[in-house]
Amino acid sequence: PISQFVREETLPFAVKDASLLCQAVCSTRFVVSGGGNGGGDNPPTKDRSPGLDALVPILTEDLEHMSNKSAIYRLRCLSGAVRYAGSTVLKHREAITSAISFALSKSDDRALFKTGCKLLRHTLSSQCEEYPIAQGVHPKRVANNGSSPPPVLGTSALLHGDRIWWHVPSGEQIDFTVSLLSQFAMTRWMDLGSPSDGEAAAGAANVSLQQWRQTLRVLRYTLRGCSGILLDEDPEIILTQDKEICPKEMAAARLILTSSIQTRKVLQ
């Protein structure tokens, strides 16, 4: 029903509500390997979001053939869908990356370009940040015998019966995060200082004010999405220091060391 609604309806004036609906649908996930509960030293290694699996193909289909308003609506819904979707995003990395690239290529449409920046930010934060995950994001009721019948709307949630998992990024997710950072932020930044052959021959780089503004906007949203893994020092140096260091910074350093060598070079 939700996938049918997303496929058949385009409601530009209710896009925020539609985005929150997609976020709720994709937030409930199941551990498919690892078996941990996301806490302590036993985090889940893989999880699955059936909601994201169902919505991504719909929300990324034929964006280039849609009107700008329809494309913005789909991309806003996709931003909500990926926001707390965990490692399942990796399964759809190509489709999501193509959607971001499509939006950021529309430099003549300010609203569509900004929507692409927001999608980039939420994709980055979903892959490199830790956040709590409820096992079931819906009301529940428990029968007298302890069994749990299907959820019933209007029944108060029983928080003591809903274990909380934590999304803990993996090295593969950090690699994906850095690939997005390199493709969209660093490439644009380098292009500002790399004039074309004709401009170089003339001795001037005629970069438009709009290009500067759009590049800085992409950088701003990129930093908002991945600032948690941008450390002041090399991760190995941080972990060998004797002075007291913020636990979050130490956790980020350990996480970065699980990524590829290329990723670590970019982050340095």
Protein backbone atom coordinates (compact mmCIF):
# COMPACT_ATOMS: atom_id res chain seq x y z
CA PRO A 1 0.00 0.00 0.00
CA ILE A 2 2.78 2.48 0.83
CA SER A 3 4.72 1.67 -2.33
CA GLN A 4 1.53 2.08 -4.36
CA PHE A 5 0.87 5.44 -2.73
CA VAL A 6 4.42 6.66 -3.46
CA ARG A 7 4.25 5.43 -7.06
CA GLU A 8 0.84 6.88 -7.90
CA GLU A 9 0.69 10.10 -5.88
CA THR A 10 2.69 13.31 -6.22
CA LEU A 11 1.78 15.83 -3.53
CA PRO A 12 4.21 18.78 -3.65
CA PHE A 13 2.38 20.63 -0.86
CA ALA A 14 2.62 17.61 1.45
CA VAL A 15 6.19 16.63 0.59
CA LYS A 16 7.43 16.92 4.19
CA ASP A 17 4.71 14.57 5.42
CA ALA A 18 5.42 12.13 2.59
CA SER A 19 9.13 12.22 3.43
CA LEU A 20 8.39 11.43 7.09
CA LEU A 21 6.17 8.55 5.98
CA CYS A 22 9.02 7.09 3.91
CA GLN A 23 11.39 7.58 6.86
CA ALA A 24 9.06 5.64 9.17
CA VAL A 25 8.62 2.83 6.66
CA CYS A 26 12.37 2.40 6.20
CA SER A 27 13.38 2.83 9.85
CA THR A 28 12.19 -0.62 10.94
CA ARG A 29 14.90 -3.15 10.11
CA PHE A 30 15.91 -6.69 10.88
CA VAL A 31 19.33 -8.15 11.60
CA VAL A 32 20.17 -10.75 8.97
CA SER A 33 23.72 -11.59 10.08
CA GLY A 34 25.91 -11.00 13.09
CA GLY A 35 23.09 -11.50 15.55
CA GLY A 36 24.09 -8.63 17.85
CA ASN A 37 21.76 -6.12 19.39
CA GLY A 38 23.76 -3.07 18.45
CA GLY A 39 25.11 -2.47 21.92
CA GLY A 40 28.46 -2.99 23.60
CA ASP A 41 30.86 -5.22 21.70
CA ASN A 42 28.18 -7.14 19.82
CA PRO A 43 26.74 -4.90 17.09
CA PRO A 44 24.69 -6.27 14.20
CA THR A 45 26.89 -6.63 11.12
CA LYS A 46 24.12 -6.60 8.52
CA ASP A 47 20.56 -5.44 8.63
CA ARG A 48 17.74 -5.36 6.14
CA SER A 49 15.11 -2.72 5.46
CA PRO A 50 12.26 -4.13 3.37
CA GLY A 51 10.82 -0.63 3.16
CA LEU A 52 13.94 0.78 1.54
CA ASP A 53 14.15 -2.18 -0.84
CA ALA A 54 10.60 -1.41 -1.99
CA LEU A 55 10.84 2.39 -2.21
CA VAL A 56 14.24 3.07 -3.81
CA PRO A 57 13.36 1.61 -7.25
CA ILE A 58 10.16 3.67 -7.29
CA LEU A 59 11.72 6.93 -6.10
CA THR A 60 14.70 6.81 -8.48
CA GLU A 61 12.88 5.66 -11.62
CA ASP A 62 12.94 7.97 -14.67
CA LEU A 63 13.79 11.13 -12.76
CA GLU A 64 15.16 12.77 -15.90
CA HIS A 65 11.76 12.41 -17.62
CA MET A 66 9.77 14.05 -14.82
CA SER A 67 8.88 17.66 -14.26
CA ASN A 68 11.08 19.46 -11.78
CA LYS A 69 8.32 19.52 -9.15
CA SER A 70 7.77 15.77 -9.45
CA ALA A 71 11.51 15.09 -9.30
CA ILE A 72 11.85 17.25 -6.17
CA TYR A 73 8.97 15.38 -4.54
CA ARG A 74 10.56 11.98 -5.28
CA LEU A 75 14.00 13.09 -4.07
CA ARG A 76 12.60 14.56 -0.84
CA CYS A 77 10.88 11.23 -0.18
CA LEU A 78 14.16 9.43 -0.93
CA SER A 79 15.94 11.66 1.59
CA GLY A 80 13.50 10.55 4.25
CA ALA A 81 13.81 6.91 3.22
CA VAL A 82 17.61 6.76 3.56
CA ARG A 83 17.85 8.86 6.71
CA TYR A 84 17.87 5.96 9.19
CA ALA A 85 18.12 3.03 6.80
CA GLY A 86 21.54 1.77 7.95
CA SER A 87 23.63 -0.65 5.94
CA THR A 88 20.75 -1.44 3.57
CA VAL A 89 21.67 1.77 1.75
CA LEU A 90 24.77 0.00 0.43
CA LYS A 91 22.54 -2.35 -1.55
CA HIS A 92 21.15 0.67 -3.43
CA ARG A 93 24.29 2.79 -3.60
CA GLU A 94 24.29 3.07 -7.40
CA ALA A 95 20.67 4.21 -7.66
CA ILE A 96 21.05 6.71 -4.80
CA THR A 97 24.33 8.07 -6.17
CA SER A 98 22.72 8.51 -9.61
CA ALA A 99 19.81 10.40 -8.02
CA ILE A 100 22.20 12.77 -6.22
CA SER A 101 24.20 13.28 -9.42
CA PHE A 102 21.01 14.03 -11.35
CA ALA A 103 19.88 16.68 -8.86
CA LEU A 104 23.28 18.37 -8.58
CA SER A 105 23.56 18.55 -12.37
CA LYS A 106 20.51 20.85 -12.47
CA SER A 107 22.42 24.03 -11.72
CA ASP A 108 19.69 26.16 -13.34
CA ASP A 109 17.01 25.00 -10.90
CA ARG A 110 17.76 26.23 -7.41
CA ALA A 111 15.10 24.13 -5.64
CA LEU A 112 16.11 20.87 -7.34
CA PHE A 113 19.80 21.55 -6.70
CA LYS A 114 19.15 22.19 -3.00
CA THR A 115 17.09 19.01 -2.80
CA GLY A 116 20.10 17.11 -4.16
CA CYS A 117 22.28 18.68 -1.46
CA LYS A 118 19.84 17.53 1.23
CA LEU A 119 19.79 14.01 -0.19
CA LEU A 120 23.59 13.98 -0.15
CA ARG A 121 23.65 15.13 3.48
CA HIS A 122 21.13 12.52 4.70
CA THR A 123 22.85 9.73 2.78
CA LEU A 124 26.21 10.65 4.31
CA SER A 125 24.89 10.88 7.87
CA SER A 126 22.98 7.61 7.52
CA GLN A 127 26.24 5.82 6.68
CA CYS A 128 28.79 7.38 9.03
CA GLU A 129 26.82 8.32 12.15
CA GLU A 130 25.55 6.21 15.02
CA TYR A 131 21.87 6.41 15.91
CA PRO A 132 19.31 4.32 17.81
CA ILE A 133 17.03 1.93 15.98
CA ALA A 134 13.77 0.66 17.41
CA GLN A 135 13.01 -2.96 16.58
CA GLY A 136 9.46 -2.05 15.72
CA VAL A 137 8.44 1.54 15.09
CA HIS A 138 4.72 1.03 15.62
CA PRO A 139 2.24 0.63 18.51
CA LYS A 140 2.04 -2.82 20.11
CA ARG A 141 -0.15 -4.75 22.46
CA VAL A 142 0.74 -7.87 24.40
CA ALA A 143 -1.78 -10.57 25.25
CA ASN A 144 -2.15 -11.98 28.76
CA ASN A 145 -0.23 -15.11 27.81
CA GLY A 146 2.77 -13.03 26.71
CA SER A 147 2.34 -13.53 22.99
CA SER A 148 2.38 -10.52 20.69
CA PRO A 149 -0.47 -10.32 18.18
CA PRO A 150 -0.19 -8.03 15.13
CA PRO A 151 0.15 -4.30 15.91
CA VAL A 152 -3.09 -2.44 16.47
CA LEU A 153 -3.32 1.26 15.71
CA GLY A 154 -4.39 3.33 18.67
CA THR A 155 -2.78 1.03 21.25
CA SER A 156 -0.03 2.56 23.38
CA ALA A 157 3.48 1.27 22.69
CA LEU A 158 5.10 -0.89 25.36
CA LEU A 159 8.63 0.47 25.47
CA HIS A 160 9.91 -2.25 27.82
CA GLY A 161 9.09 -4.83 25.13
CA ASP A 162 10.88 -3.03 22.33
CA ARG A 163 14.64 -3.57 22.40
CA ILE A 164 16.73 -0.72 21.08
CA TRP A 165 19.46 -1.41 18.55
CA TRP A 166 22.22 1.02 17.64
CA HIS A 167 23.35 1.63 14.12
CA VAL A 168 27.14 1.31 14.19
CA PRO A 169 28.81 2.12 10.84
CA SER A 170 31.06 -0.44 9.19
CA GLY A 171 34.26 0.07 7.22
CA GLU A 172 32.31 -0.52 3.99
CA GLN A 173 29.89 2.25 4.89
CA ILE A 174 32.77 4.63 5.59
CA ASP A 175 34.23 3.74 2.19
CA PHE A 176 30.89 4.63 0.56
CA THR A 177 30.73 7.88 2.55
CA VAL A 178 34.17 8.94 1.36
CA SER A 179 33.35 7.99 -2.23
CA LEU A 180 30.39 10.39 -2.11
CA LEU A 181 32.54 13.08 -0.50
CA SER A 182 35.15 12.71 -3.27
CA GLN A 183 32.66 12.53 -6.14
CA PHE A 184 30.48 15.49 -5.23
CA ALA A 185 32.35 17.80 -2.83
CA MET A 186 36.05 17.43 -3.56
CA THR A 187 35.60 17.28 -7.34
CA ARG A 188 33.61 20.52 -7.35
CA TRP A 189 36.13 22.20 -5.07
CA MET A 190 39.03 21.17 -7.31
CA ASP A 191 37.18 22.38 -10.42
CA LEU A 192 37.03 25.91 -8.98
CA GLY A 193 40.82 26.10 -9.09
CA SER A 194 41.21 24.33 -12.43
CA PRO A 195 40.32 26.70 -15.29
CA SER A 196 39.79 25.36 -18.77
CA ASP A 197 42.60 25.47 -21.35
CA GLY A 198 41.30 28.66 -22.90
CA GLU A 199 41.01 30.39 -19.55
CA ALA A 200 44.45 29.23 -18.50
CA ALA A 201 45.94 30.59 -21.71
CA ALA A 202 44.30 33.93 -21.03
CA GLY A 203 45.76 33.93 -17.55
CA ALA A 204 42.41 34.08 -15.72
CA ALA A 205 39.85 31.68 -14.38
CA ASN A 206 36.39 33.03 -15.12
CA VAL A 207 34.43 31.15 -12.48
CA SER A 208 30.88 32.41 -12.17
CA LEU A 209 29.44 33.60 -8.89
CA GLN A 210 26.71 30.96 -9.22
CA GLN A 211 29.33 28.21 -9.48
CA TRP A 212 31.01 29.46 -6.30
CA ARG A 213 27.70 29.57 -4.43
CA GLN A 214 26.67 26.10 -5.55
CA THR A 215 30.06 24.60 -4.71
CA LEU A 216 29.98 26.14 -1.24
CA ARG A 217 26.42 24.86 -0.75
CA VAL A 218 27.51 21.32 -1.63
CA LEU A 219 30.46 21.63 0.77
CA ARG A 220 28.19 22.90 3.54
CA TYR A 221 25.75 20.00 3.26
CA THR A 222 28.61 17.52 2.90
CA LEU A 223 30.20 18.73 6.13
CA ARG A 224 26.86 18.56 7.92
CA GLY A 225 26.54 14.96 6.82
CA CYS A 226 30.01 13.60 7.57
CA SER A 227 31.62 15.93 10.12
CA GLY A 228 31.63 13.11 12.67
CA ILE A 229 34.43 11.27 10.87
CA LEU A 230 36.56 14.32 10.06
CA LEU A 231 39.22 14.22 12.76
CA ASP A 232 41.93 16.75 13.57
CA GLU A 233 44.69 14.14 13.66
CA ASP A 234 45.53 10.76 12.17
CA PRO A 235 43.41 7.98 13.77
CA GLU A 236 46.49 6.00 14.84
CA ILE A 237 47.95 9.06 16.58
CA ILE A 238 44.66 9.68 18.40
CA LEU A 239 44.53 6.11 19.71
CA THR A 240 48.12 6.22 20.99
CA GLN A 241 47.79 9.46 22.96
CA ASP A 242 47.96 9.31 26.75
CA LYS A 243 45.75 12.32 27.41
CA GLU A 244 42.02 11.96 27.86
CA ILE A 245 40.16 12.03 24.55
CA CYS A 246 36.46 12.27 23.85
CA PRO A 247 35.04 8.72 23.59
CA LYS A 248 33.21 9.63 20.39
CA GLU A 249 36.46 10.78 18.80
CA MET A 250 38.19 7.55 19.82
CA ALA A 251 35.31 5.51 18.40
CA ALA A 252 35.52 7.46 15.13
CA ALA A 253 39.28 6.82 14.97
CA ARG A 254 38.77 3.07 15.43
CA LEU A 255 36.03 3.10 12.81
CA ILE A 256 38.20 4.84 10.23
CA LEU A 257 40.92 2.23 10.74
CA THR A 258 38.45 -0.42 9.56
CA SER A 259 38.05 1.32 6.19
CA SER A 260 40.23 0.94 3.11
CA ILE A 261 43.67 2.52 2.76
CA GLN A 262 42.36 4.81 0.01
CA THR A 263 39.58 6.05 2.28
CA ARG A 264 42.03 6.79 5.07
CA LYS A 265 44.22 8.79 2.68
CA VAL A 266 41.27 10.94 1.63
CA LEU A 267 40.27 11.62 5.23
CA GLN A 268 43.81 12.68 6.12
